[in-house]
């Protein structure tokens, strides 16, 4: 915690309020633009499995694969907060 205070918050450990700690830890859920570029690169490998007979199964499999990538990149919150960025994928 001392390192986090000194190198990331630039304050002494005793000077940090509870609100500042909450904001620091909650900011980890906010993806940066680099994360979206990584997501775009990963999503390019997705393709629809045409061996499945019905369209619902094809789409379900594609969405499951997409969310597997999102989970691996820990971007679940980004998908919920900025859905328009994901529409192009």
PDB file of N, CA and C in Angstrom:
ATOM      1  N   UNK A   1       0.818  -1.188   0.000  1.00  0.00           N
ATOM      2  CA  UNK A   1       0.000   0.000   0.000  1.00  0.00           C
ATOM      3  C   UNK A   1       0.863   1.253   0.000  1.00  0.00           C
ATOM      4  N   UNK A   2       1.996   1.174   0.644  1.00  0.00           N
ATOM      5  CA  UNK A   2       2.880   2.333   0.691  1.00  0.00           C
ATOM      6  C   UNK A   2       3.353   2.679  -0.718  1.00  0.00           C
ATOM      7  N   UNK A   3       3.647   1.668  -1.528  1.00  0.00           N
ATOM      8  CA  UNK A   3       4.088   1.913  -2.905  1.00  0.00           C
ATOM      9  C   UNK A   3       2.972   2.522  -3.745  1.00  0.00           C
ATOM     10  N   UNK A   4       1.760   2.018  -3.567  1.00  0.00           N
ATOM     11  CA  UNK A   4       0.625   2.577  -4.302  1.00  0.00           C
ATOM     12  C   UNK A   4       0.456   4.044  -3.936  1.00  0.00           C
ATOM     13  N   UNK A   5       0.546   4.334  -2.661  1.00  0.00           N
ATOM     14  CA  UNK A   5       0.399   5.720  -2.215  1.00  0.00           C
ATOM     15  C   UNK A   5       1.473   6.611  -2.822  1.00  0.00           C
ATOM     16  N   UNK A   6       2.700   6.161  -2.756  1.00  0.00           N
ATOM     17  CA  UNK A   6       3.812   6.984  -3.217  1.00  0.00           C
ATOM     18  C   UNK A   6       3.906   7.121  -4.719  1.00  0.00           C
ATOM     19  N   UNK A   7       3.721   6.028  -5.444  1.00  0.00           N
ATOM     20  CA  UNK A   7       3.972   6.044  -6.887  1.00  0.00           C
ATOM     21  C   UNK A   7       2.740   6.296  -7.752  1.00  0.00           C
ATOM     22  N   UNK A   8       1.557   6.016  -7.241  1.00  0.00           N
ATOM     23  CA  UNK A   8       0.362   6.203  -8.064  1.00  0.00           C
ATOM     24  C   UNK A   8      -0.526   7.339  -7.572  1.00  0.00           C
ATOM     25  N   UNK A   9      -0.619   7.498  -6.269  1.00  0.00           N
ATOM     26  CA  UNK A   9      -1.460   8.567  -5.731  1.00  0.00           C
ATOM     27  C   UNK A   9      -0.648   9.790  -5.318  1.00  0.00           C
ATOM     28  N   UNK A  10       0.648   9.638  -5.257  1.00  0.00           N
ATOM     29  CA  UNK A  10       1.583  10.722  -4.927  1.00  0.00           C
ATOM     30  C   UNK A  10       1.252  11.401  -3.601  1.00  0.00           C
ATOM     31  N   UNK A  11       0.906  10.593  -2.625  1.00  0.00           N
ATOM     32  CA  UNK A  11       0.611  11.095  -1.283  1.00  0.00           C
ATOM     33  C   UNK A  11       1.194  10.146  -0.255  1.00  0.00           C
ATOM     34  N   UNK A  12       1.285  10.643   0.957  1.00  0.00           N
ATOM     35  CA  UNK A  12       1.690   9.800   2.072  1.00  0.00           C
ATOM     36  C   UNK A  12       0.507   8.915   2.457  1.00  0.00           C
ATOM     37  N   UNK A  13       0.800   7.754   2.972  1.00  0.00           N
ATOM     38  CA  UNK A  13      -0.244   6.785   3.312  1.00  0.00           C
ATOM     39  C   UNK A  13      -1.267   7.361   4.291  1.00  0.00           C
ATOM     40  N   UNK A  14      -0.818   8.172   5.206  1.00  0.00           N
ATOM     41  CA  UNK A  14      -1.719   8.746   6.219  1.00  0.00           C
ATOM     42  C   UNK A  14      -2.625   9.836   5.656  1.00  0.00           C
ATOM     43  N   UNK A  15      -2.270  10.399   4.511  1.00  0.00           N
ATOM     44  CA  UNK A  15      -3.020  11.529   3.959  1.00  0.00           C
ATOM     45  C   UNK A  15      -4.131  11.120   2.998  1.00  0.00           C
ATOM     46  N   UNK A  16      -4.262   9.853   2.716  1.00  0.00           N
ATOM     47  CA  UNK A  16      -5.257   9.395   1.745  1.00  0.00           C
ATOM     48  C   UNK A  16      -6.572   9.082   2.447  1.00  0.00           C
ATOM     49  N   UNK A  17      -7.648   9.618   1.889  1.00  0.00           N
ATOM     50  CA  UNK A  17      -8.970   9.405   2.479  1.00  0.00           C
ATOM     51  C   UNK A  17      -9.589   8.110   1.950  1.00  0.00           C
ATOM     52  N   UNK A  18     -10.651   7.712   2.592  1.00  0.00           N
ATOM     53  CA  UNK A  18     -11.349   6.500   2.163  1.00  0.00           C
ATOM     54  C   UNK A  18     -11.939   6.674   0.761  1.00  0.00           C
ATOM     55  N   UNK A  19     -12.424   7.859   0.470  1.00  0.00           N
ATOM     56  CA  UNK A  19     -12.973   8.142  -0.859  1.00  0.00           C
ATOM     57  C   UNK A  19     -11.905   8.007  -1.934  1.00  0.00           C
ATOM     58  N   UNK A  20     -10.707   8.485  -1.661  1.00  0.00           N
ATOM     59  CA  UNK A  20      -9.617   8.353  -2.627  1.00  0.00           C
ATOM     60  C   UNK A  20      -9.261   6.887  -2.865  1.00  0.00           C
ATOM     61  N   UNK A  21      -9.286   6.070  -1.798  1.00  0.00           N
ATOM     62  CA  UNK A  21      -9.021   4.636  -1.963  1.00  0.00           C
ATOM     63  C   UNK A  21     -10.094   3.992  -2.825  1.00  0.00           C
ATOM     64  N   UNK A  22     -11.349   4.320  -2.546  1.00  0.00           N
ATOM     65  CA  UNK A  22     -12.448   3.753  -3.333  1.00  0.00           C
ATOM     66  C   UNK A  22     -12.306   4.120  -4.803  1.00  0.00           C
ATOM     67  N   UNK A  23     -12.040   5.393  -5.067  1.00  0.00           N
ATOM     68  CA  UNK A  23     -11.887   5.838  -6.456  1.00  0.00           C
ATOM     69  C   UNK A  23     -10.715   5.149  -7.133  1.00  0.00           C
ATOM     70  N   UNK A  24      -9.635   4.944  -6.397  1.00  0.00           N
ATOM     71  CA  UNK A  24      -8.458   4.287  -6.968  1.00  0.00           C
ATOM     72  C   UNK A  24      -8.789   2.855  -7.389  1.00  0.00           C
ATOM     73  N   UNK A  25      -9.426   2.101  -6.496  1.00  0.00           N
ATOM     74  CA  UNK A  25      -9.720   0.704  -6.805  1.00  0.00           C
ATOM     75  C   UNK A  25     -10.842   0.563  -7.835  1.00  0.00           C
ATOM     76  N   UNK A  26     -11.831   1.441  -7.793  1.00  0.00           N
ATOM     77  CA  UNK A  26     -12.916   1.370  -8.773  1.00  0.00           C
ATOM     78  C   UNK A  26     -12.460   1.803 -10.161  1.00  0.00           C
ATOM     79  N   UNK A  27     -11.417   2.586 -10.240  1.00  0.00           N
ATOM     80  CA  UNK A  27     -10.917   3.010 -11.554  1.00  0.00           C
ATOM     81  C   UNK A  27     -10.327   1.846 -12.338  1.00  0.00           C
ATOM     82  N   UNK A  28     -10.044   0.753 -11.675  1.00  0.00           N
ATOM     83  CA  UNK A  28      -9.522  -0.430 -12.370  1.00  0.00           C
ATOM     84  C   UNK A  28     -10.567  -1.031 -13.306  1.00  0.00           C
ATOM     85  N   UNK A  29     -11.836  -0.750 -13.058  1.00  0.00           N
ATOM     86  CA  UNK A  29     -12.907  -1.280 -13.908  1.00  0.00           C
ATOM     87  C   UNK A  29     -13.088  -0.488 -15.196  1.00  0.00           C
ATOM     88  N   UNK A  30     -12.472   0.678 -15.291  1.00  0.00           N
ATOM     89  CA  UNK A  30     -12.628   1.518 -16.474  1.00  0.00           C
ATOM     90  C   UNK A  30     -11.551   1.149 -17.484  1.00  0.00           C
ATOM     91  N   UNK A  31     -11.935   0.549 -18.598  1.00  0.00           N
ATOM     92  CA  UNK A  31     -10.922   0.160 -19.586  1.00  0.00           C
ATOM     93  C   UNK A  31     -10.376   1.378 -20.320  1.00  0.00           C
ATOM     94  N   UNK A  32      -9.129   1.305 -20.687  1.00  0.00           N
ATOM     95  CA  UNK A  32      -8.541   2.388 -21.467  1.00  0.00           C
ATOM     96  C   UNK A  32      -8.684   2.081 -22.958  1.00  0.00           C
ATOM     97  N   UNK A  33      -8.277   3.014 -23.799  1.00  0.00           N
ATOM     98  CA  UNK A  33      -8.433   2.830 -25.241  1.00  0.00           C
ATOM     99  C   UNK A  33      -7.532   1.720 -25.770  1.00  0.00           C
ATOM    100  N   UNK A  34      -6.441   1.454 -25.097  1.00  0.00           N
ATOM    101  CA  UNK A  34      -5.567   0.353 -25.496  1.00  0.00           C
ATOM    102  C   UNK A  34      -6.311  -0.973 -25.368  1.00  0.00           C
ATOM    103  N   UNK A  35      -7.147  -1.066 -24.346  1.00  0.00           N
ATOM    104  CA  UNK A  35      -7.923  -2.289 -24.142  1.00  0.00           C
ATOM    105  C   UNK A  35      -8.880  -2.523 -25.308  1.00  0.00           C
ATOM    106  N   UNK A  36      -9.471  -1.463 -25.827  1.00  0.00           N
ATOM    107  CA  UNK A  36     -10.379  -1.625 -26.965  1.00  0.00           C
ATOM    108  C   UNK A  36      -9.636  -2.058 -28.218  1.00  0.00           C
ATOM    109  N   UNK A  37      -8.418  -1.597 -28.387  1.00  0.00           N
ATOM    110  CA  UNK A  37      -7.622  -2.034 -29.538  1.00  0.00           C
ATOM    111  C   UNK A  37      -7.265  -3.510 -29.408  1.00  0.00           C
ATOM    112  N   UNK A  38      -6.964  -3.934 -28.190  1.00  0.00           N
ATOM    113  CA  UNK A  38      -6.690  -5.351 -27.947  1.00  0.00           C
ATOM    114  C   UNK A  38      -7.942  -6.175 -28.216  1.00  0.00           C
ATOM    115  N   UNK A  39      -9.086  -5.682 -27.763  1.00  0.00           N
ATOM    116  CA  UNK A  39     -10.349  -6.376 -28.015  1.00  0.00           C
ATOM    117  C   UNK A  39     -10.608  -6.486 -29.513  1.00  0.00           C
ATOM    118  N   UNK A  40     -10.378  -5.416 -30.242  1.00  0.00           N
ATOM    119  CA  UNK A  40     -10.593  -5.437 -31.691  1.00  0.00           C
ATOM    120  C   UNK A  40      -9.704  -6.474 -32.370  1.00  0.00           C
ATOM    121  N   UNK A  41      -8.461  -6.557 -31.938  1.00  0.00           N
ATOM    122  CA  UNK A  41      -7.531  -7.536 -32.518  1.00  0.00           C
ATOM    123  C   UNK A  41      -7.983  -8.962 -32.206  1.00  0.00           C
ATOM    124  N   UNK A  42      -8.440  -9.198 -30.986  1.00  0.00           N
ATOM    125  CA  UNK A  42      -8.886 -10.538 -30.583  1.00  0.00           C
ATOM    126  C   UNK A  42     -10.177 -10.947 -31.300  1.00  0.00           C
ATOM    127  N   UNK A  43     -11.077 -10.002 -31.474  1.00  0.00           N
ATOM    128  CA  UNK A  43     -12.384 -10.296 -32.054  1.00  0.00           C
ATOM    129  C   UNK A  43     -12.275 -10.621 -33.543  1.00  0.00           C
ATOM    130  N   UNK A  44     -11.246 -10.144 -34.202  1.00  0.00           N
ATOM    131  CA  UNK A  44     -11.084 -10.424 -35.631  1.00  0.00           C
ATOM    132  C   UNK A  44     -10.978 -11.918 -35.920  1.00  0.00           C
ATOM    133  N   UNK A  45     -10.575 -12.693 -34.931  1.00  0.00           N
ATOM    134  CA  UNK A  45     -10.444 -14.136 -35.139  1.00  0.00           C
ATOM    135  C   UNK A  45     -11.785 -14.873 -35.039  1.00  0.00           C
ATOM    136  N   UNK A  46     -12.831 -14.187 -34.599  1.00  0.00           N
ATOM    137  CA  UNK A  46     -14.141 -14.833 -34.473  1.00  0.00           C
ATOM    138  C   UNK A  46     -14.754 -15.105 -35.841  1.00  0.00           C
ATOM    139  N   UNK A  47     -15.430 -16.225 -35.938  1.00  0.00           N
ATOM    140  CA  UNK A  47     -16.187 -16.521 -37.155  1.00  0.00           C
ATOM    141  C   UNK A  47     -17.390 -17.381 -36.770  1.00  0.00           C
ATOM    142  N   UNK A  48     -18.413 -17.306 -37.581  1.00  0.00           N
ATOM    143  CA  UNK A  48     -19.631 -18.056 -37.304  1.00  0.00           C
ATOM    144  C   UNK A  48     -19.464 -19.500 -37.765  1.00  0.00           C
ATOM    145  N   UNK A  49     -19.866 -20.426 -36.921  1.00  0.00           N
ATOM    146  CA  UNK A  49     -19.778 -21.850 -37.223  1.00  0.00           C
ATOM    147  C   UNK A  49     -20.972 -22.242 -38.093  1.00  0.00           C
ATOM    148  N   UNK A  50     -20.733 -22.448 -39.377  1.00  0.00           N
ATOM    149  CA  UNK A  50     -21.839 -22.765 -40.286  1.00  0.00           C
ATOM    150  C   UNK A  50     -22.220 -24.242 -40.264  1.00  0.00           C
ATOM    151  N   UNK A  51     -21.486 -25.033 -39.500  1.00  0.00           N
ATOM    152  CA  UNK A  51     -21.846 -26.447 -39.370  1.00  0.00           C
ATOM    153  C   UNK A  51     -23.079 -26.628 -38.492  1.00  0.00           C
ATOM    154  N   UNK A  52     -23.352 -25.641 -37.636  1.00  0.00           N
ATOM    155  CA  UNK A  52     -24.562 -25.702 -36.820  1.00  0.00           C
ATOM    156  C   UNK A  52     -25.764 -25.433 -37.716  1.00  0.00           C
ATOM    157  N   UNK A  53     -26.841 -26.173 -37.508  1.00  0.00           N
ATOM    158  CA  UNK A  53     -27.977 -26.134 -38.427  1.00  0.00           C
ATOM    159  C   UNK A  53     -28.835 -24.878 -38.308  1.00  0.00           C
ATOM    160  N   UNK A  54     -29.168 -24.475 -37.092  1.00  0.00           N
ATOM    161  CA  UNK A  54     -30.100 -23.354 -36.966  1.00  0.00           C
ATOM    162  C   UNK A  54     -29.364 -22.052 -36.633  1.00  0.00           C
ATOM    163  N   UNK A  55     -29.959 -20.958 -37.043  1.00  0.00           N
ATOM    164  CA  UNK A  55     -29.350 -19.632 -36.885  1.00  0.00           C
ATOM    165  C   UNK A  55     -29.183 -19.255 -35.420  1.00  0.00           C
ATOM    166  N   UNK A  56     -30.125 -19.667 -34.586  1.00  0.00           N
ATOM    167  CA  UNK A  56     -30.045 -19.327 -33.166  1.00  0.00           C
ATOM    168  C   UNK A  56     -28.807 -19.950 -32.527  1.00  0.00           C
ATOM    169  N   UNK A  57     -28.508 -21.177 -32.865  1.00  0.00           N
ATOM    170  CA  UNK A  57     -27.313 -21.839 -32.338  1.00  0.00           C
ATOM    171  C   UNK A  57     -26.041 -21.166 -32.835  1.00  0.00           C
ATOM    172  N   UNK A  58     -26.043 -20.770 -34.094  1.00  0.00           N
ATOM    173  CA  UNK A  58     -24.877 -20.082 -34.656  1.00  0.00           C
ATOM    174  C   UNK A  58     -24.608 -18.777 -33.925  1.00  0.00           C
ATOM    175  N   UNK A  59     -25.670 -18.003 -33.742  1.00  0.00           N
ATOM    176  CA  UNK A  59     -25.524 -16.721 -33.072  1.00  0.00           C
ATOM    177  C   UNK A  59     -25.153 -16.900 -31.603  1.00  0.00           C
ATOM    178  N   UNK A  60     -25.757 -17.868 -30.943  1.00  0.00           N
ATOM    179  CA  UNK A  60     -25.433 -18.130 -29.535  1.00  0.00           C
ATOM    180  C   UNK A  60     -23.974 -18.514 -29.367  1.00  0.00           C
ATOM    181  N   UNK A  61     -23.469 -19.343 -30.245  1.00  0.00           N
ATOM    182  CA  UNK A  61     -22.062 -19.758 -30.187  1.00  0.00           C
ATOM    183  C   UNK A  61     -21.137 -18.564 -30.435  1.00  0.00           C
ATOM    184  N   UNK A  62     -21.494 -17.725 -31.411  1.00  0.00           N
ATOM    185  CA  UNK A  62     -20.694 -16.544 -31.719  1.00  0.00           C
ATOM    186  C   UNK A  62     -20.662 -15.577 -30.535  1.00  0.00           C
ATOM    187  N   UNK A  63     -21.813 -15.356 -29.909  1.00  0.00           N
ATOM    188  CA  UNK A  63     -21.873 -14.468 -28.740  1.00  0.00           C
ATOM    189  C   UNK A  63     -21.111 -15.058 -27.565  1.00  0.00           C
ATOM    190  N   UNK A  64     -21.198 -16.360 -27.369  1.00  0.00           N
ATOM    191  CA  UNK A  64     -20.454 -17.009 -26.287  1.00  0.00           C
ATOM    192  C   UNK A  64     -18.953 -16.853 -26.498  1.00  0.00           C
ATOM    193  N   UNK A  65     -18.508 -17.016 -27.734  1.00  0.00           N
ATOM    194  CA  UNK A  65     -17.088 -16.829 -28.038  1.00  0.00           C
ATOM    195  C   UNK A  65     -16.660 -15.383 -27.810  1.00  0.00           C
ATOM    196  N   UNK A  66     -17.529 -14.442 -28.189  1.00  0.00           N
ATOM    197  CA  UNK A  66     -17.234 -13.026 -27.978  1.00  0.00           C
ATOM    198  C   UNK A  66     -17.087 -12.727 -26.494  1.00  0.00           C
ATOM    199  N   UNK A  67     -18.032 -13.201 -25.682  1.00  0.00           N
ATOM    200  CA  UNK A  67     -17.971 -12.930 -24.251  1.00  0.00           C
ATOM    201  C   UNK A  67     -16.821 -13.670 -23.570  1.00  0.00           C
ATOM    202  N   UNK A  68     -16.375 -14.766 -24.126  1.00  0.00           N
ATOM    203  CA  UNK A  68     -15.182 -15.436 -23.606  1.00  0.00           C
ATOM    204  C   UNK A  68     -13.969 -14.529 -23.763  1.00  0.00           C
ATOM    205  N   UNK A  69     -13.866 -13.885 -24.910  1.00  0.00           N
ATOM    206  CA  UNK A  69     -12.764 -12.943 -25.140  1.00  0.00           C
ATOM    207  C   UNK A  69     -12.885 -11.752 -24.200  1.00  0.00           C
ATOM    208  N   UNK A  70     -14.086 -11.222 -24.054  1.00  0.00           N
ATOM    209  CA  UNK A  70     -14.312 -10.079 -23.169  1.00  0.00           C
ATOM    210  C   UNK A  70     -13.946 -10.435 -21.733  1.00  0.00           C
ATOM    211  N   UNK A  71     -14.331 -11.621 -21.275  1.00  0.00           N
ATOM    212  CA  UNK A  71     -13.989 -12.060 -19.922  1.00  0.00           C
ATOM    213  C   UNK A  71     -12.486 -12.207 -19.747  1.00  0.00           C
ATOM    214  N   UNK A  72     -11.824 -12.766 -20.744  1.00  0.00           N
ATOM    215  CA  UNK A  72     -10.378 -12.956 -20.656  1.00  0.00           C
ATOM    216  C   UNK A  72      -9.649 -11.615 -20.566  1.00  0.00           C
ATOM    217  N   UNK A  73     -10.170 -10.606 -21.246  1.00  0.00           N
ATOM    218  CA  UNK A  73      -9.556  -9.279 -21.226  1.00  0.00           C
ATOM    219  C   UNK A  73     -10.072  -8.419 -20.077  1.00  0.00           C
ATOM    220  N   UNK A  74     -10.955  -8.974 -19.262  1.00  0.00           N
ATOM    221  CA  UNK A  74     -11.596  -8.284 -18.131  1.00  0.00           C
ATOM    222  C   UNK A  74     -12.174  -6.935 -18.548  1.00  0.00           C
ATOM    223  N   UNK A  75     -13.008  -6.972 -19.569  1.00  0.00           N
ATOM    224  CA  UNK A  75     -13.642  -5.751 -20.067  1.00  0.00           C
ATOM    225  C   UNK A  75     -15.161  -5.796 -19.939  1.00  0.00           C
ATOM    226  N   UNK A  76     -15.675  -6.589 -19.017  1.00  0.00           N
ATOM    227  CA  UNK A  76     -17.120  -6.728 -18.875  1.00  0.00           C
ATOM    228  C   UNK A  76     -17.791  -5.387 -18.615  1.00  0.00           C
ATOM    229  N   UNK A  77     -17.188  -4.575 -17.761  1.00  0.00           N
ATOM    230  CA  UNK A  77     -17.784  -3.282 -17.437  1.00  0.00           C
ATOM    231  C   UNK A  77     -17.777  -2.344 -18.636  1.00  0.00           C
ATOM    232  N   UNK A  78     -16.755  -2.417 -19.444  1.00  0.00           N
ATOM    233  CA  UNK A  78     -16.679  -1.572 -20.631  1.00  0.00           C
ATOM    234  C   UNK A  78     -17.780  -1.871 -21.618  1.00  0.00           C
ATOM    235  N   UNK A  79     -18.154  -3.130 -21.714  1.00  0.00           N
ATOM    236  CA  UNK A  79     -19.228  -3.524 -22.624  1.00  0.00           C
ATOM    237  C   UNK A  79     -20.557  -2.952 -22.135  1.00  0.00           C
ATOM    238  N   UNK A  80     -20.748  -2.931 -20.830  1.00  0.00           N
ATOM    239  CA  UNK A  80     -21.998  -2.417 -20.267  1.00  0.00           C
ATOM    240  C   UNK A  80     -22.060  -0.894 -20.304  1.00  0.00           C
ATOM    241  N   UNK A  81     -20.928  -0.230 -20.043  1.00  0.00           N
ATOM    242  CA  UNK A  81     -20.942   1.230 -19.966  1.00  0.00           C
ATOM    243  C   UNK A  81     -20.833   1.909 -21.325  1.00  0.00           C
ATOM    244  N   UNK A  82     -20.172   1.272 -22.287  1.00  0.00           N
ATOM    245  CA  UNK A  82     -20.005   1.866 -23.613  1.00  0.00           C
ATOM    246  C   UNK A  82     -20.386   0.861 -24.711  1.00  0.00           C
ATOM    247  N   UNK A  83     -21.668   0.517 -24.794  1.00  0.00           N
ATOM    248  CA  UNK A  83     -22.075  -0.515 -25.757  1.00  0.00           C
ATOM    249  C   UNK A  83     -21.901  -0.099 -27.220  1.00  0.00           C
ATOM    250  N   UNK A  84     -21.907   1.199 -27.497  1.00  0.00           N
ATOM    251  CA  UNK A  84     -21.775   1.644 -28.894  1.00  0.00           C
ATOM    252  C   UNK A  84     -20.402   1.328 -29.464  1.00  0.00           C
ATOM    253  N   UNK A  85     -19.399   1.205 -28.598  1.00  0.00           N
ATOM    254  CA  UNK A  85     -18.063   0.872 -29.084  1.00  0.00           C
ATOM    255  C   UNK A  85     -17.986  -0.573 -29.556  1.00  0.00           C
ATOM    256  N   UNK A  86     -18.881  -1.410 -29.071  1.00  0.00           N
ATOM    257  CA  UNK A  86     -18.812  -2.832 -29.373  1.00  0.00           C
ATOM    258  C   UNK A  86     -19.671  -3.212 -30.578  1.00  0.00           C
ATOM    259  N   UNK A  87     -20.537  -2.335 -30.992  1.00  0.00           N
ATOM    260  CA  UNK A  87     -21.467  -2.655 -32.074  1.00  0.00           C
ATOM    261  C   UNK A  87     -20.726  -3.037 -33.348  1.00  0.00           C
ATOM    262  N   UNK A  88     -19.619  -2.397 -33.633  1.00  0.00           N
ATOM    263  CA  UNK A  88     -18.874  -2.680 -34.848  1.00  0.00           C
ATOM    264  C   UNK A  88     -18.241  -4.054 -34.882  1.00  0.00           C
ATOM    265  N   UNK A  89     -18.091  -4.694 -33.750  1.00  0.00           N
ATOM    266  CA  UNK A  89     -17.453  -6.005 -33.712  1.00  0.00           C
ATOM    267  C   UNK A  89     -18.436  -7.058 -34.162  1.00  0.00           C
TER     268      UNK A  89
END
